[in-house]
């Protein structure tokens, strides 16, 4: 189940993340390695998350590699530590879509969001380059923790793409 896409305003947000460059068949790596590092970092520095964990796709070349960050928003970041980095997610207009179900369907759901963007002439803040599509911000936000909600049909994920200001 999914909701209709909507355009929302997001404020800039501090976040901490672990960057990865992976092939499509390694997409589980950021979750397996990145999220535990981030939660250990939060505990070590006494920081509270400001929302759900997410992937932020920075560059996508489906035939080769993706630059992706496993991250979480925080009120204010601590120092960079090990593989954990600090950054700021941009504010502005975002096109979002909420999906209820297993993560495996997100490629199809992403296609729907891309189609809606084209249909409504609202374009993502991204640049096509020879090494792939570079996004200002493309979030896959995991609203549900599978360890707390065992039935995949009840999982909630939000896709959120920054829209171009032009």
N, C-alpha and C. Protein backbone atom coordinates (compact mmCIF):
# COMPACT_ATOMS: atom_id res chain seq x y z
N UNK A 1 0.84 -1.18 0.00
CA UNK A 1 0.00 0.00 0.00
C UNK A 1 0.89 1.24 0.00
N UNK A 2 0.48 2.25 -0.72
CA UNK A 2 1.23 3.51 -0.70
C UNK A 2 0.27 4.67 -0.75
N UNK A 3 0.76 5.79 -0.30
CA UNK A 3 -0.01 7.03 -0.36
C UNK A 3 0.30 7.71 -1.69
N UNK A 4 -0.45 8.72 -2.03
CA UNK A 4 -0.13 9.52 -3.21
C UNK A 4 1.10 10.37 -2.90
N UNK A 5 1.92 10.65 -3.90
CA UNK A 5 3.05 11.55 -3.66
C UNK A 5 2.56 12.92 -3.24
N UNK A 6 3.34 13.57 -2.42
CA UNK A 6 3.03 14.95 -2.03
C UNK A 6 4.32 15.75 -1.97
N UNK A 7 4.18 17.06 -2.08
CA UNK A 7 5.33 17.96 -1.97
C UNK A 7 5.27 18.60 -0.59
N UNK A 8 6.39 18.52 0.12
CA UNK A 8 6.48 19.09 1.46
C UNK A 8 7.69 20.00 1.55
N UNK A 9 7.70 20.86 2.53
CA UNK A 9 8.87 21.69 2.85
C UNK A 9 9.61 21.01 3.99
N UNK A 10 10.91 20.84 3.81
CA UNK A 10 11.75 20.29 4.87
C UNK A 10 12.76 21.35 5.27
N UNK A 11 13.04 21.44 6.55
CA UNK A 11 14.09 22.33 7.04
C UNK A 11 15.43 21.61 6.92
N UNK A 12 16.51 22.39 6.89
CA UNK A 12 17.83 21.76 6.94
C UNK A 12 17.93 20.98 8.25
N UNK A 13 18.69 19.90 8.22
CA UNK A 13 18.84 19.05 9.40
C UNK A 13 20.29 18.58 9.49
N UNK A 14 20.82 18.60 10.72
CA UNK A 14 22.11 17.96 10.95
C UNK A 14 21.89 16.45 10.92
N UNK A 15 22.91 15.75 10.46
CA UNK A 15 22.84 14.29 10.51
C UNK A 15 24.24 13.71 10.62
N UNK A 16 24.30 12.46 11.06
CA UNK A 16 25.55 11.72 11.08
C UNK A 16 25.35 10.53 10.15
N UNK A 17 26.45 10.12 9.51
CA UNK A 17 26.33 9.09 8.49
C UNK A 17 27.64 8.34 8.31
N UNK A 18 27.54 7.19 7.68
CA UNK A 18 28.69 6.42 7.25
C UNK A 18 28.56 6.28 5.73
N UNK A 19 29.56 6.77 4.97
CA UNK A 19 29.47 6.70 3.51
C UNK A 19 29.96 5.35 2.98
N UNK A 20 29.34 4.91 1.88
CA UNK A 20 29.72 3.68 1.21
C UNK A 20 29.63 3.88 -0.29
N UNK A 21 30.49 3.22 -1.02
CA UNK A 21 30.34 3.06 -2.46
C UNK A 21 30.16 1.56 -2.67
N UNK A 22 29.02 1.17 -3.23
CA UNK A 22 28.67 -0.24 -3.36
C UNK A 22 28.09 -0.54 -4.73
N UNK A 23 28.13 -1.82 -5.09
CA UNK A 23 27.39 -2.31 -6.26
C UNK A 23 25.99 -2.66 -5.78
N UNK A 24 25.06 -2.77 -6.70
CA UNK A 24 23.68 -3.10 -6.35
C UNK A 24 23.59 -4.37 -5.50
N UNK A 25 24.42 -5.38 -5.81
CA UNK A 25 24.35 -6.63 -5.06
C UNK A 25 24.96 -6.52 -3.66
N UNK A 26 25.48 -5.33 -3.30
CA UNK A 26 26.04 -5.10 -1.97
C UNK A 26 25.20 -4.11 -1.16
N UNK A 27 23.97 -3.86 -1.59
CA UNK A 27 23.16 -2.83 -0.94
C UNK A 27 22.89 -3.09 0.53
N UNK A 28 23.01 -4.33 1.00
CA UNK A 28 22.78 -4.61 2.41
C UNK A 28 23.96 -4.14 3.26
N UNK A 29 25.12 -3.94 2.64
CA UNK A 29 26.32 -3.55 3.39
C UNK A 29 26.15 -2.28 4.23
N UNK A 30 25.57 -1.19 3.68
CA UNK A 30 25.39 0.00 4.53
C UNK A 30 24.54 -0.26 5.77
N UNK A 31 23.52 -1.11 5.63
CA UNK A 31 22.68 -1.42 6.80
C UNK A 31 23.44 -2.30 7.78
N UNK A 32 24.10 -3.33 7.27
CA UNK A 32 24.82 -4.27 8.14
C UNK A 32 25.99 -3.63 8.87
N UNK A 33 26.69 -2.72 8.19
CA UNK A 33 27.89 -2.11 8.77
C UNK A 33 27.67 -0.68 9.25
N UNK A 34 26.90 0.09 8.49
CA UNK A 34 26.75 1.52 8.79
C UNK A 34 25.87 1.82 9.98
N UNK A 35 24.68 1.22 10.01
CA UNK A 35 23.75 1.54 11.08
C UNK A 35 24.29 1.15 12.46
N UNK A 36 24.92 -0.03 12.64
CA UNK A 36 25.51 -0.32 13.96
C UNK A 36 26.57 0.69 14.37
N UNK A 37 27.40 1.16 13.41
CA UNK A 37 28.42 2.17 13.71
C UNK A 37 27.77 3.48 14.15
N UNK A 38 26.68 3.85 13.48
CA UNK A 38 26.00 5.09 13.82
C UNK A 38 25.39 5.02 15.21
N UNK A 39 24.72 3.92 15.53
CA UNK A 39 24.09 3.82 16.85
C UNK A 39 25.13 3.73 17.96
N UNK A 40 26.28 3.09 17.69
CA UNK A 40 27.37 3.08 18.67
C UNK A 40 27.91 4.50 18.86
N UNK A 41 28.02 5.26 17.77
CA UNK A 41 28.46 6.65 17.82
C UNK A 41 27.51 7.50 18.67
N UNK A 42 26.20 7.35 18.43
CA UNK A 42 25.21 8.10 19.20
C UNK A 42 25.35 7.81 20.69
N UNK A 43 25.49 6.53 21.04
CA UNK A 43 25.67 6.15 22.45
C UNK A 43 26.95 6.74 23.03
N UNK A 44 28.03 6.62 22.28
CA UNK A 44 29.33 7.10 22.75
C UNK A 44 29.31 8.60 23.04
N UNK A 45 28.63 9.37 22.19
CA UNK A 45 28.64 10.83 22.31
C UNK A 45 27.38 11.38 22.99
N UNK A 46 26.52 10.49 23.48
CA UNK A 46 25.32 10.93 24.20
C UNK A 46 24.34 11.70 23.34
N UNK A 47 24.20 11.31 22.08
CA UNK A 47 23.31 12.00 21.15
C UNK A 47 22.02 11.23 20.95
N UNK A 48 20.94 11.95 20.76
CA UNK A 48 19.63 11.35 20.49
C UNK A 48 19.30 11.51 19.01
N UNK A 49 18.80 10.45 18.37
CA UNK A 49 18.37 10.59 16.97
C UNK A 49 17.14 11.48 16.88
N UNK A 50 17.02 12.17 15.76
CA UNK A 50 15.86 13.03 15.48
C UNK A 50 15.08 12.42 14.32
N UNK A 51 14.57 11.25 14.51
CA UNK A 51 13.83 10.59 13.44
C UNK A 51 14.39 9.22 13.14
N UNK A 52 13.95 8.68 12.03
CA UNK A 52 14.28 7.31 11.64
C UNK A 52 15.60 7.26 10.88
N UNK A 53 16.20 6.07 10.88
CA UNK A 53 17.41 5.83 10.08
C UNK A 53 17.04 5.89 8.59
N UNK A 54 18.03 6.21 7.77
CA UNK A 54 17.77 6.34 6.34
C UNK A 54 19.01 6.04 5.53
N UNK A 55 18.78 5.81 4.25
CA UNK A 55 19.83 5.85 3.24
C UNK A 55 19.69 7.19 2.54
N UNK A 56 20.82 7.84 2.26
CA UNK A 56 20.83 9.03 1.42
C UNK A 56 21.67 8.68 0.20
N UNK A 57 21.02 8.56 -0.94
CA UNK A 57 21.72 8.23 -2.18
C UNK A 57 22.30 9.51 -2.76
N UNK A 58 23.60 9.55 -2.92
CA UNK A 58 24.27 10.73 -3.46
C UNK A 58 24.53 10.59 -4.96
N UNK A 59 24.88 9.37 -5.39
CA UNK A 59 25.16 9.11 -6.81
C UNK A 59 24.68 7.70 -7.12
N UNK A 60 23.94 7.58 -8.22
CA UNK A 60 23.41 6.28 -8.63
C UNK A 60 23.81 6.01 -10.07
N UNK A 61 24.51 4.91 -10.27
CA UNK A 61 24.79 4.37 -11.60
C UNK A 61 24.43 2.90 -11.50
N UNK A 62 23.20 2.55 -11.88
CA UNK A 62 22.67 1.21 -11.65
C UNK A 62 23.56 0.12 -12.26
N UNK A 63 24.27 0.43 -13.34
CA UNK A 63 25.10 -0.58 -14.00
C UNK A 63 26.45 -0.76 -13.30
N UNK A 64 26.82 0.17 -12.43
CA UNK A 64 28.13 0.10 -11.81
C UNK A 64 28.05 0.21 -10.29
N UNK A 65 28.09 1.43 -9.77
CA UNK A 65 28.10 1.60 -8.32
C UNK A 65 27.19 2.73 -7.87
N UNK A 66 26.94 2.75 -6.56
CA UNK A 66 26.14 3.79 -5.94
C UNK A 66 26.96 4.38 -4.80
N UNK A 67 26.87 5.69 -4.61
CA UNK A 67 27.41 6.32 -3.41
C UNK A 67 26.22 6.55 -2.50
N UNK A 68 26.24 5.89 -1.36
CA UNK A 68 25.09 5.93 -0.45
C UNK A 68 25.59 6.16 0.97
N UNK A 69 24.80 6.85 1.75
CA UNK A 69 25.12 7.10 3.15
C UNK A 69 24.06 6.42 4.01
N UNK A 70 24.50 5.65 4.98
CA UNK A 70 23.60 5.16 6.04
C UNK A 70 23.63 6.26 7.09
N UNK A 71 22.48 6.86 7.41
CA UNK A 71 22.50 8.02 8.29
C UNK A 71 21.30 8.13 9.20
N UNK A 72 21.38 9.15 10.07
CA UNK A 72 20.26 9.48 10.96
C UNK A 72 20.39 10.95 11.36
N UNK A 73 19.27 11.64 11.41
CA UNK A 73 19.27 13.06 11.80
C UNK A 73 19.50 13.19 13.30
N UNK A 74 20.20 14.26 13.68
CA UNK A 74 20.48 14.57 15.09
C UNK A 74 20.28 16.07 15.30
N UNK A 75 20.02 16.45 16.54
CA UNK A 75 19.84 17.88 16.85
C UNK A 75 21.13 18.65 16.56
N UNK A 76 22.24 18.13 17.04
CA UNK A 76 23.55 18.70 16.71
C UNK A 76 24.55 17.56 16.73
N UNK A 77 25.41 17.49 15.73
CA UNK A 77 26.34 16.37 15.63
C UNK A 77 27.51 16.52 16.59
N UNK A 78 28.07 15.41 16.95
CA UNK A 78 29.32 15.40 17.70
C UNK A 78 30.48 15.43 16.72
N UNK A 79 31.68 15.13 17.19
CA UNK A 79 32.84 15.14 16.30
C UNK A 79 32.83 13.94 15.35
N UNK A 80 33.48 14.10 14.20
CA UNK A 80 33.63 12.93 13.33
C UNK A 80 34.47 11.92 14.08
N UNK A 81 34.12 10.65 13.95
CA UNK A 81 34.73 9.61 14.77
C UNK A 81 34.75 8.32 13.97
N UNK A 82 35.93 7.81 13.67
CA UNK A 82 36.03 6.60 12.86
C UNK A 82 35.44 6.84 11.49
N UNK A 83 34.54 5.94 11.06
CA UNK A 83 33.90 6.07 9.75
C UNK A 83 32.71 7.02 9.77
N UNK A 84 32.29 7.46 10.96
CA UNK A 84 31.10 8.30 11.08
C UNK A 84 31.45 9.75 10.78
N UNK A 85 30.69 10.34 9.88
CA UNK A 85 30.87 11.72 9.47
C UNK A 85 29.64 12.54 9.87
N UNK A 86 29.78 13.85 9.86
CA UNK A 86 28.67 14.75 10.16
C UNK A 86 28.37 15.59 8.93
N UNK A 87 27.10 15.89 8.73
CA UNK A 87 26.71 16.70 7.58
C UNK A 87 25.40 17.43 7.85
N UNK A 88 24.93 18.11 6.82
CA UNK A 88 23.66 18.82 6.89
C UNK A 88 22.83 18.44 5.68
N UNK A 89 21.63 17.92 5.94
CA UNK A 89 20.70 17.63 4.86
C UNK A 89 20.09 18.95 4.41
N UNK A 90 19.97 19.16 3.10
CA UNK A 90 19.44 20.44 2.63
C UNK A 90 17.95 20.59 2.95
N UNK A 91 17.53 21.81 3.09
CA UNK A 91 16.12 22.13 3.24
C UNK A 91 15.53 22.47 1.88
N UNK A 92 14.24 22.68 1.86
CA UNK A 92 13.57 23.07 0.63
C UNK A 92 12.39 22.17 0.35
N UNK A 93 11.96 22.19 -0.90
CA UNK A 93 10.81 21.40 -1.33
C UNK A 93 11.26 19.97 -1.66
N UNK A 94 10.51 19.00 -1.12
CA UNK A 94 10.78 17.58 -1.36
C UNK A 94 9.51 16.91 -1.84
N UNK A 95 9.64 16.01 -2.81
CA UNK A 95 8.53 15.16 -3.20
C UNK A 95 8.67 13.87 -2.41
N UNK A 96 7.61 13.48 -1.70
CA UNK A 96 7.67 12.31 -0.83
C UNK A 96 6.56 11.32 -1.18
N UNK A 97 6.82 10.09 -0.79
CA UNK A 97 5.86 9.02 -1.00
C UNK A 97 6.07 8.00 0.11
N UNK A 98 4.99 7.63 0.80
CA UNK A 98 5.06 6.65 1.89
C UNK A 98 4.64 5.29 1.36
N UNK A 99 5.44 4.27 1.66
CA UNK A 99 5.18 2.90 1.21
C UNK A 99 4.98 2.00 2.42
N UNK A 100 3.93 1.17 2.39
CA UNK A 100 3.68 0.18 3.42
C UNK A 100 3.93 -1.19 2.80
N UNK A 101 4.96 -1.88 3.26
CA UNK A 101 5.29 -3.19 2.73
C UNK A 101 6.79 -3.43 2.78
N UNK A 102 7.21 -4.53 2.17
CA UNK A 102 8.61 -4.94 2.21
C UNK A 102 9.48 -3.99 1.38
N UNK A 103 10.71 -3.81 1.82
CA UNK A 103 11.65 -2.92 1.14
C UNK A 103 11.94 -3.36 -0.30
N UNK A 104 11.79 -4.65 -0.58
CA UNK A 104 12.11 -5.16 -1.92
C UNK A 104 11.29 -4.49 -3.01
N UNK A 105 10.14 -3.92 -2.69
CA UNK A 105 9.29 -3.28 -3.70
C UNK A 105 9.67 -1.83 -3.93
N UNK A 106 10.68 -1.32 -3.23
CA UNK A 106 10.98 0.11 -3.33
C UNK A 106 11.48 0.54 -4.71
N UNK A 107 12.08 -0.36 -5.46
CA UNK A 107 12.52 0.03 -6.81
C UNK A 107 11.30 0.38 -7.66
N UNK A 108 10.24 -0.42 -7.54
CA UNK A 108 8.99 -0.13 -8.27
C UNK A 108 8.37 1.17 -7.75
N UNK A 109 8.35 1.35 -6.44
CA UNK A 109 7.77 2.55 -5.83
C UNK A 109 8.55 3.79 -6.26
N UNK A 110 9.89 3.66 -6.33
CA UNK A 110 10.72 4.77 -6.79
C UNK A 110 10.35 5.15 -8.22
N UNK A 111 10.11 4.14 -9.06
CA UNK A 111 9.68 4.40 -10.43
C UNK A 111 8.37 5.18 -10.48
N UNK A 112 7.46 4.85 -9.58
CA UNK A 112 6.19 5.58 -9.51
C UNK A 112 6.43 7.04 -9.13
N UNK A 113 7.31 7.27 -8.16
CA UNK A 113 7.60 8.64 -7.75
C UNK A 113 8.27 9.42 -8.88
N UNK A 114 9.17 8.78 -9.61
CA UNK A 114 9.81 9.43 -10.76
C UNK A 114 8.76 9.78 -11.82
N UNK A 115 7.85 8.84 -12.08
CA UNK A 115 6.77 9.10 -13.05
C UNK A 115 5.89 10.25 -12.62
N UNK A 116 5.55 10.31 -11.34
CA UNK A 116 4.72 11.41 -10.81
C UNK A 116 5.45 12.74 -10.98
N UNK A 117 6.75 12.73 -10.73
CA UNK A 117 7.55 13.94 -10.89
C UNK A 117 7.46 14.46 -12.33
N UNK A 118 7.61 13.56 -13.28
CA UNK A 118 7.56 13.96 -14.69
C UNK A 118 6.15 14.41 -15.09
N UNK A 119 5.15 13.68 -14.62
CA UNK A 119 3.76 14.00 -14.95
C UNK A 119 3.39 15.39 -14.46
N UNK A 120 3.90 15.79 -13.31
CA UNK A 120 3.55 17.08 -12.71
C UNK A 120 4.59 18.16 -12.99
N UNK A 121 5.59 17.86 -13.83
CA UNK A 121 6.66 18.81 -14.18
C UNK A 121 7.35 19.39 -12.95
N UNK A 122 7.61 18.53 -11.97
CA UNK A 122 8.37 18.90 -10.78
C UNK A 122 9.60 18.01 -10.77
N UNK A 123 10.75 18.58 -10.99
CA UNK A 123 11.94 17.78 -11.24
C UNK A 123 12.86 17.73 -10.03
N UNK A 124 13.51 16.59 -9.88
CA UNK A 124 14.41 16.38 -8.75
C UNK A 124 15.66 17.24 -8.89
N UNK A 125 16.22 17.62 -7.77
CA UNK A 125 17.48 18.36 -7.74
C UNK A 125 18.60 17.34 -7.92
N UNK A 126 18.89 17.07 -9.17
CA UNK A 126 19.93 16.10 -9.51
C UNK A 126 20.58 16.50 -10.82
N UNK A 127 21.76 15.96 -11.01
CA UNK A 127 22.49 16.24 -12.25
C UNK A 127 22.96 14.92 -12.83
N UNK A 128 22.63 14.69 -14.11
CA UNK A 128 23.09 13.50 -14.80
C UNK A 128 24.52 13.74 -15.28
N UNK A 129 25.43 12.85 -14.88
CA UNK A 129 26.84 12.94 -15.27
C UNK A 129 27.25 11.59 -15.81
N UNK A 130 28.41 11.50 -16.48
CA UNK A 130 28.84 10.22 -17.04
C UNK A 130 28.95 9.10 -16.00
N UNK A 131 29.22 9.45 -14.74
CA UNK A 131 29.37 8.40 -13.71
C UNK A 131 28.06 8.16 -12.94
N UNK A 132 26.94 8.68 -13.44
CA UNK A 132 25.65 8.42 -12.81
C UNK A 132 24.90 9.69 -12.47
N UNK A 133 23.74 9.51 -11.86
CA UNK A 133 22.90 10.63 -11.43
C UNK A 133 23.34 11.08 -10.05
N UNK A 134 23.65 12.36 -9.91
CA UNK A 134 24.09 12.95 -8.64
C UNK A 134 22.93 13.72 -8.03
N UNK A 135 22.52 13.32 -6.82
CA UNK A 135 21.36 13.90 -6.16
C UNK A 135 21.78 14.89 -5.08
N UNK A 136 21.07 16.01 -4.98
CA UNK A 136 21.27 16.93 -3.86
C UNK A 136 20.83 16.24 -2.58
N UNK A 137 19.74 15.47 -2.65
CA UNK A 137 19.26 14.71 -1.50
C UNK A 137 18.20 13.74 -2.00
N UNK A 138 18.42 12.45 -1.74
CA UNK A 138 17.45 11.41 -2.10
C UNK A 138 17.42 10.43 -0.94
N UNK A 139 16.37 10.54 -0.12
CA UNK A 139 16.29 9.78 1.12
C UNK A 139 15.34 8.60 1.01
N UNK A 140 15.76 7.50 1.59
CA UNK A 140 14.94 6.32 1.78
C UNK A 140 14.88 6.14 3.30
N UNK A 141 13.78 6.57 3.91
CA UNK A 141 13.68 6.68 5.37
C UNK A 141 12.92 5.47 5.92
N UNK A 142 13.56 4.74 6.84
CA UNK A 142 12.97 3.53 7.40
C UNK A 142 12.20 3.87 8.66
N UNK A 143 10.90 4.07 8.51
CA UNK A 143 10.04 4.48 9.62
C UNK A 143 9.77 3.34 10.60
N UNK A 144 9.94 2.11 10.15
CA UNK A 144 9.63 0.93 10.96
C UNK A 144 10.89 0.12 11.21
N UNK A 145 11.07 -0.33 12.44
CA UNK A 145 12.17 -1.23 12.79
C UNK A 145 11.66 -2.66 12.65
N UNK A 146 12.21 -3.45 11.69
CA UNK A 146 11.72 -4.82 11.50
C UNK A 146 11.84 -5.70 12.75
N UNK A 147 12.75 -5.37 13.65
CA UNK A 147 12.86 -6.17 14.88
C UNK A 147 11.67 -5.92 15.80
N UNK A 148 11.00 -4.79 15.63
CA UNK A 148 9.82 -4.47 16.45
C UNK A 148 8.51 -4.79 15.74
N UNK A 149 8.54 -4.83 14.41
CA UNK A 149 7.35 -5.13 13.60
C UNK A 149 7.72 -6.28 12.67
N UNK A 150 7.43 -7.51 13.08
CA UNK A 150 7.92 -8.67 12.31
C UNK A 150 7.25 -8.87 10.95
N UNK A 151 6.02 -8.40 10.75
CA UNK A 151 5.31 -8.65 9.51
C UNK A 151 5.70 -7.60 8.46
N UNK A 152 6.39 -8.01 7.38
CA UNK A 152 6.84 -7.05 6.36
C UNK A 152 5.74 -6.21 5.74
N UNK A 153 4.52 -6.70 5.69
CA UNK A 153 3.45 -5.91 5.08
C UNK A 153 3.11 -4.68 5.93
N UNK A 154 3.56 -4.68 7.19
CA UNK A 154 3.31 -3.54 8.08
C UNK A 154 4.48 -2.57 8.17
N UNK A 155 5.56 -2.83 7.44
CA UNK A 155 6.72 -1.93 7.45
C UNK A 155 6.37 -0.65 6.69
N UNK A 156 6.89 0.48 7.16
CA UNK A 156 6.63 1.78 6.53
C UNK A 156 7.98 2.41 6.15
N UNK A 157 8.09 2.81 4.91
CA UNK A 157 9.27 3.49 4.39
C UNK A 157 8.81 4.74 3.66
N UNK A 158 9.53 5.83 3.82
CA UNK A 158 9.22 7.06 3.11
C UNK A 158 10.36 7.37 2.14
N UNK A 159 10.00 7.60 0.88
CA UNK A 159 10.97 8.08 -0.10
C UNK A 159 10.81 9.59 -0.17
N UNK A 160 11.92 10.31 -0.22
CA UNK A 160 11.86 11.76 -0.22
C UNK A 160 12.98 12.30 -1.11
N UNK A 161 12.60 12.93 -2.22
CA UNK A 161 13.55 13.47 -3.18
C UNK A 161 13.50 15.00 -3.14
N UNK A 162 14.65 15.63 -3.01
CA UNK A 162 14.70 17.10 -3.06
C UNK A 162 14.34 17.55 -4.47
N UNK A 163 13.46 18.53 -4.56
CA UNK A 163 13.07 19.09 -5.85
C UNK A 163 13.99 20.25 -6.23
N UNK A 164 14.17 20.41 -7.51
CA UNK A 164 14.96 21.51 -8.03
C UNK A 164 14.28 22.84 -7.70
N UNK A 165 15.08 23.84 -7.40
CA UNK A 165 14.55 25.18 -7.11
C UNK A 165 14.15 25.91 -8.38
N UNK A 166 14.60 25.43 -9.52
CA UNK A 166 14.32 26.12 -10.80
C UNK A 166 12.94 25.84 -11.30
